[in-house]
Amino acid sequence: MKSKKYTQPGTLSVAVLLPVLIFCIVMLLITGFDEIAPALILIFVIVTFLVCLLIFYKLTIEIDDTHLSFSLGTGLIKKKFALRDIESCVPVKNSAVYGVGIRLIPGGWLYNVSGQYAVELTFKDKKSKIRIGTDKPEEVAETVNKLLNKPGSGLGYDNAFESSGRSGYYLLATLIIAGLILPLVLVISGGRDTKVEFSGSAFTIKGMYGITVGNSEIISIDTLGVLPRIKARTNGYAMGNTLKGNFRLQDQTKVKLFVEKGSPPYILIKTSEDVIYLNFRDPARTKEVFRQIISNK
């Protein structure tokens, strides 16, 4: 028999994933790459949604005389079953709560990219079942069952066991692990004490949300014993007493903070473009940096 293919477009998956992907790309273009931390987060999110889109934009079932196989999207995830191992194939309608994607359901696994209809495969040598989404469940089930009832079907197939395309699983696992590790790295990186490097004509606040300030750009510089009240974080890092990045004060002033709350004094630097608050965990270090900025100015 010539192999038959049944392709289900992932309409729902595309409708959900594509707008989010476009939104994240636009946000990355707007924010740029000056702020490393948010740029890294957006890039990770974009890659994750792009991979998901490549996996879930369609599902293709292929049937021939010896096996049934299916692949998701570009084929990053695919499975193949020998017909000799299949007990039955029946059309089913999934519960709405099952949704789309790859998920564990009562009795086995579901692979679905759109809609509620699927075929359910049961096997001779194992209890778990497989549900595969399709727009033509009756036709797929009829084709498979005809071959199951056909004498000699599935014989001569070298490998009677299930074979899998694992590259997609590895990729998804990598993204999940990265998704767990990246926030931890950002927390550790953001929690480190701020570093300042001086050159002849400028100083640079290093690390997350870092900035370079030319000596000639400084309009005023002073120290404060109390940090002004902060209304909101607009694009920054806030963990415990550590604040880094872009914030808005209670009076709506936009500021850049590189501070440890509760460790005065605080250096207030005003330039033609920015209002910067800077201090360190060690007050002596704050005073030393203040004196060095004053002497270079």
Protein backbone atom coordinates (compact mmCIF):
# COMPACT_ATOMS: atom_id res chain seq x y z
CA MET A 1 0.00 0.00 0.00
CA LYS A 2 1.19 3.47 -0.81
CA SER A 3 1.73 5.37 2.40
CA LYS A 4 -1.02 7.74 3.47
CA LYS A 5 -0.44 11.04 5.22
CA TYR A 6 -2.86 13.00 7.38
CA THR A 7 -1.75 16.48 8.38
CA GLN A 8 -3.44 18.52 11.06
CA PRO A 9 -2.58 22.25 11.02
CA GLY A 10 -1.81 23.62 14.47
CA THR A 11 -4.27 26.49 14.17
CA LEU A 12 -4.73 26.94 17.90
CA SER A 13 -1.03 26.58 18.67
CA VAL A 14 -0.07 29.15 16.03
CA ALA A 15 -2.83 31.52 17.16
CA VAL A 16 -1.43 31.46 20.70
CA LEU A 17 2.33 31.30 20.06
CA LEU A 18 2.79 33.60 17.05
CA PRO A 19 1.38 36.83 18.60
CA VAL A 20 3.47 36.31 21.75
CA LEU A 21 6.57 35.67 19.64
CA ILE A 22 5.99 38.83 17.57
CA PHE A 23 5.35 40.86 20.74
CA CYS A 24 8.62 39.67 22.32
CA ILE A 25 10.60 40.46 19.16
CA VAL A 26 9.11 43.96 19.03
CA MET A 27 9.92 44.48 22.73
CA LEU A 28 13.51 43.38 22.12
CA LEU A 29 13.85 45.83 19.23
CA ILE A 30 12.40 48.63 21.38
CA THR A 31 14.50 47.98 24.48
CA GLY A 32 17.64 47.12 22.52
CA PHE A 33 20.70 45.36 23.89
CA ASP A 34 22.03 48.09 26.17
CA GLU A 35 20.49 46.40 29.21
CA ILE A 36 21.98 42.90 29.20
CA ALA A 37 19.64 41.27 31.72
CA PRO A 38 16.28 42.11 30.10
CA ALA A 39 17.76 41.47 26.65
CA LEU A 40 18.87 37.97 27.72
CA ILE A 41 15.46 37.24 29.18
CA LEU A 42 13.68 38.38 26.02
CA ILE A 43 16.06 36.40 23.79
CA PHE A 44 15.44 33.27 25.87
CA VAL A 45 11.66 33.78 25.67
CA ILE A 46 11.86 34.38 21.90
CA VAL A 47 13.91 31.21 21.33
CA THR A 48 11.53 29.20 23.52
CA PHE A 49 8.41 30.36 21.67
CA LEU A 50 10.13 29.94 18.29
CA VAL A 51 11.03 26.32 19.08
CA CYS A 52 7.49 25.66 20.32
CA LEU A 53 6.10 27.19 17.12
CA LEU A 54 8.36 24.98 14.97
CA ILE A 55 7.17 21.93 16.90
CA PHE A 56 3.45 22.61 17.20
CA TYR A 57 2.50 24.32 13.93
CA LYS A 58 1.35 20.99 12.48
CA LEU A 59 1.08 17.26 13.22
CA THR A 60 1.47 14.67 10.48
CA ILE A 61 0.43 11.01 10.71
CA GLU A 62 1.87 8.60 8.11
CA ILE A 63 0.65 5.03 7.61
CA ASP A 64 2.07 2.30 5.38
CA ASP A 65 1.99 -1.52 5.29
CA THR A 66 4.42 -1.95 8.17
CA HIS A 67 4.16 0.98 10.53
CA LEU A 68 2.35 4.05 11.77
CA SER A 69 4.41 7.14 12.49
CA PHE A 70 3.73 10.72 13.39
CA SER A 71 5.81 13.86 13.61
CA LEU A 72 5.23 17.28 15.13
CA GLY A 73 6.12 20.39 13.15
CA THR A 74 9.49 20.17 11.43
CA GLY A 75 10.03 16.67 12.81
CA LEU A 76 11.94 17.61 15.95
CA ILE A 77 9.60 15.24 17.76
CA LYS A 78 8.47 12.08 16.02
CA LYS A 79 7.51 8.51 16.84
CA LYS A 80 7.12 5.31 14.85
CA PHE A 81 5.23 2.15 15.81
CA ALA A 82 5.29 -1.26 14.14
CA LEU A 83 1.77 -2.34 13.17
CA ARG A 84 2.45 -5.76 14.66
CA ASP A 85 2.63 -4.11 18.10
CA ILE A 86 -0.69 -2.24 17.79
CA GLU A 87 -3.80 -3.85 19.25
CA SER A 88 -6.36 -1.30 18.06
CA CYS A 89 -6.90 2.23 16.80
CA VAL A 90 -10.11 4.08 17.65
CA PRO A 91 -11.33 7.66 17.03
CA VAL A 92 -11.78 9.67 20.24
CA LYS A 93 -12.70 13.15 21.38
CA ASN A 94 -10.45 14.67 24.01
CA SER A 95 -11.70 16.56 27.00
CA ALA A 96 -11.33 20.32 26.61
CA VAL A 97 -9.10 20.36 29.70
CA TYR A 98 -6.47 18.28 27.87
CA GLY A 99 -5.70 21.23 25.62
CA VAL A 100 -2.86 21.05 23.11
CA GLY A 101 0.78 20.05 23.34
CA ILE A 102 2.50 16.97 24.70
CA ARG A 103 0.95 15.93 27.97
CA LEU A 104 0.31 13.00 30.24
CA ILE A 105 -3.39 12.10 30.41
CA PRO A 106 -5.21 9.28 32.19
CA GLY A 107 -4.04 6.05 30.61
CA GLY A 108 -1.17 7.41 28.53
CA TRP A 109 0.16 10.34 26.48
CA LEU A 110 -1.49 12.91 24.23
CA TYR A 111 0.17 14.57 21.23
CA ASN A 112 -2.03 17.33 19.88
CA VAL A 113 -1.62 20.69 18.12
CA SER A 114 -5.24 21.80 17.63
CA GLY A 115 -8.81 20.77 18.34
CA GLN A 116 -10.26 17.94 20.43
CA TYR A 117 -10.28 15.04 17.96
CA ALA A 118 -7.67 12.27 17.95
CA VAL A 119 -7.06 8.57 17.45
CA GLU A 120 -6.15 6.36 20.39
CA LEU A 121 -3.66 3.53 19.94
CA THR A 122 -3.59 0.56 22.29
CA PHE A 123 -0.73 -1.93 22.24
CA LYS A 124 -0.36 -5.67 22.69
CA ASP A 125 2.61 -5.57 25.03
CA LYS A 126 1.95 -2.52 27.25
CA LYS A 127 -0.92 -0.91 29.10
CA SER A 128 -0.20 2.72 28.27
CA LYS A 129 -2.03 4.28 25.33
CA ILE A 130 -1.14 7.00 22.85
CA ARG A 131 -3.52 9.67 21.58
CA ILE A 132 -2.58 11.50 18.38
CA GLY A 133 -4.48 14.59 17.31
CA THR A 134 -6.03 14.59 13.83
CA ASP A 135 -8.82 16.29 11.91
CA LYS A 136 -9.82 12.92 10.38
CA PRO A 137 -9.99 10.46 13.27
CA GLU A 138 -12.49 8.07 11.64
CA GLU A 139 -10.49 7.86 8.41
CA VAL A 140 -7.18 7.32 10.20
CA ALA A 141 -8.68 4.64 12.47
CA GLU A 142 -10.29 2.86 9.51
CA THR A 143 -7.02 2.81 7.57
CA VAL A 144 -5.05 1.43 10.51
CA ASN A 145 -7.62 -1.21 11.48
CA LYS A 146 -7.82 -2.50 7.90
CA LEU A 147 -4.08 -3.07 7.97
CA LEU A 148 -4.25 -4.68 11.42
CA ASN A 149 -6.81 -7.17 10.10
CA LYS A 150 -4.89 -7.79 6.91
CA PRO A 151 -2.97 -11.11 6.99
CA GLY A 152 0.78 -10.55 7.18
CA SER A 153 0.53 -6.84 7.88
CA GLY A 154 3.49 -5.54 9.81
CA LEU A 155 5.54 -8.69 9.20
CA GLY A 156 9.02 -8.32 7.86
CA TYR A 157 9.57 -5.07 9.67
CA ASP A 158 13.06 -5.36 11.16
CA ASN A 159 12.34 -3.56 14.40
CA ALA A 160 9.11 -4.46 16.12
CA PHE A 161 9.69 -1.91 18.82
CA GLU A 162 8.73 1.71 19.01
CA SER A 163 11.32 4.12 17.68
CA SER A 164 11.44 7.78 18.60
CA GLY A 165 12.93 11.02 17.36
CA ARG A 166 14.47 12.34 20.56
CA SER A 167 16.09 15.55 19.35
CA GLY A 168 12.95 17.57 20.06
CA TYR A 169 12.67 16.17 23.59
CA TYR A 170 16.31 17.05 24.25
CA LEU A 171 15.73 20.55 22.93
CA LEU A 172 12.64 21.05 25.08
CA ALA A 173 14.48 19.66 28.11
CA THR A 174 17.35 22.06 27.45
CA LEU A 175 14.95 25.01 27.29
CA ILE A 176 13.27 23.92 30.53
CA ILE A 177 16.61 23.58 32.31
CA ALA A 178 17.77 26.92 30.93
CA GLY A 179 14.51 28.45 32.10
CA LEU A 180 15.27 27.24 35.61
CA ILE A 181 18.95 28.22 35.58
CA LEU A 182 18.66 31.66 33.93
CA PRO A 183 16.65 33.28 36.76
CA LEU A 184 19.11 31.84 39.28
CA VAL A 185 22.06 33.29 37.35
CA LEU A 186 20.33 36.67 37.16
CA VAL A 187 19.60 36.63 40.90
CA ILE A 188 23.22 35.77 41.73
CA SER A 189 24.60 38.30 39.24
CA GLY A 190 22.27 41.06 40.35
CA GLY A 191 22.99 40.44 44.02
CA ARG A 192 26.70 41.13 43.68
CA ASP A 193 28.08 44.41 44.96
CA THR A 194 28.32 47.11 42.30
CA LYS A 195 31.73 47.70 40.73
CA VAL A 196 32.96 51.06 39.45
CA GLU A 197 35.91 51.51 37.10
CA PHE A 198 37.56 54.88 36.44
CA SER A 199 39.29 56.15 33.32
CA GLY A 200 40.77 59.56 32.65
CA SER A 201 37.57 61.18 31.42
CA ALA A 202 34.77 58.95 32.71
CA PHE A 203 33.73 56.28 35.15
CA THR A 204 31.75 53.13 34.43
CA ILE A 205 29.29 51.39 36.72
CA LYS A 206 29.78 47.76 35.76
CA GLY A 207 27.45 44.79 35.74
CA MET A 208 23.70 44.53 35.36
CA TYR A 209 22.18 47.76 33.94
CA GLY A 210 25.66 49.31 33.90
CA ILE A 211 26.31 52.80 32.58
CA THR A 212 29.29 54.97 31.62
CA VAL A 213 29.28 58.59 32.79
CA GLY A 214 31.66 61.16 31.33
CA ASN A 215 33.15 63.60 33.83
CA SER A 216 32.06 66.51 31.66
CA GLU A 217 28.44 65.25 31.71
CA ILE A 218 28.10 65.63 35.48
CA ILE A 219 25.95 68.62 36.40
CA SER A 220 25.97 68.01 40.15
CA ILE A 221 27.07 65.38 42.67
CA ASP A 222 26.26 65.07 46.35
CA THR A 223 25.72 62.52 49.11
CA LEU A 224 22.46 61.77 50.89
CA GLY A 225 21.78 60.10 54.20
CA VAL A 226 18.34 58.87 53.16
CA LEU A 227 17.21 57.30 49.90
CA PRO A 228 14.10 58.99 48.38
CA ARG A 229 10.88 57.02 48.35
CA ILE A 230 10.65 54.72 45.35
CA LYS A 231 7.29 54.33 43.65
CA ALA A 232 7.93 51.71 40.99
CA ARG A 233 10.47 49.64 39.12
CA THR A 234 10.24 50.32 35.39
CA ASN A 235 13.06 48.11 34.11
CA GLY A 236 15.32 46.91 36.83
CA TYR A 237 16.39 44.36 39.40
CA ALA A 238 15.00 44.33 42.94
CA MET A 239 15.91 41.57 45.35
CA GLY A 240 16.06 42.18 49.08
CA ASN A 241 17.90 45.44 49.69
CA THR A 242 19.57 45.45 46.26
CA LEU A 243 18.11 47.78 43.62
CA LYS A 244 19.65 48.10 40.17
CA GLY A 245 18.36 49.59 36.96
CA ASN A 246 15.53 51.95 36.08
CA PHE A 247 13.03 53.08 38.71
CA ARG A 248 10.55 55.89 39.32
CA LEU A 249 10.50 57.93 42.51
CA GLN A 250 7.37 59.01 44.36
CA ASP A 251 7.58 62.43 42.67
CA GLN A 252 7.63 60.68 39.23
CA THR A 253 11.35 61.38 38.66
CA LYS A 254 12.96 58.68 36.54
CA VAL A 255 16.22 57.47 38.09
CA LYS A 256 18.90 54.83 37.73
CA LEU A 257 19.61 53.03 40.96
CA PHE A 258 22.70 51.06 41.95
CA VAL A 259 22.05 50.95 45.66
CA GLU A 260 21.92 48.83 48.78
CA LYS A 261 19.02 50.06 50.90
CA GLY A 262 19.87 50.58 54.53
CA SER A 263 23.59 51.26 53.88
CA PRO A 264 23.93 55.05 53.69
CA PRO A 265 25.36 57.31 52.45
CA TYR A 266 24.05 57.41 48.89
CA ILE A 267 25.78 59.24 46.05
CA LEU A 268 23.42 61.37 43.94
CA ILE A 269 24.76 62.14 40.47
CA LYS A 270 22.85 64.34 38.03
CA THR A 271 23.86 64.49 34.38
CA SER A 272 22.23 66.05 31.35
CA GLU A 273 20.41 62.75 30.70
CA ASP A 274 20.24 60.74 33.92
CA VAL A 275 19.70 60.93 37.65
CA ILE A 276 21.83 58.24 39.30
CA TYR A 277 21.91 56.96 42.87
CA LEU A 278 24.92 54.86 43.84
CA ASN A 279 26.24 53.28 47.00
CA PHE A 280 27.89 50.11 48.30
CA ARG A 281 27.38 47.71 51.17
CA ASP A 282 30.49 49.16 52.80
CA PRO A 283 29.93 52.89 53.59
CA ALA A 284 33.69 53.46 53.43
CA ARG A 285 33.70 52.28 49.82
CA THR A 286 30.84 54.69 49.01
CA LYS A 287 32.81 57.62 50.47
CA GLU A 288 35.97 56.58 48.61
CA VAL A 289 34.14 56.43 45.24
CA PHE A 290 32.50 59.80 45.94
CA ARG A 291 35.91 61.40 46.59
CA GLN A 292 37.35 59.87 43.43
CA ILE A 293 34.48 61.13 41.24
CA ILE A 294 34.88 64.63 42.78
CA SER A 295 38.64 64.65 42.21
CA ASN A 296 38.29 63.52 38.56
CA LYS A 297 35.57 66.07 37.87
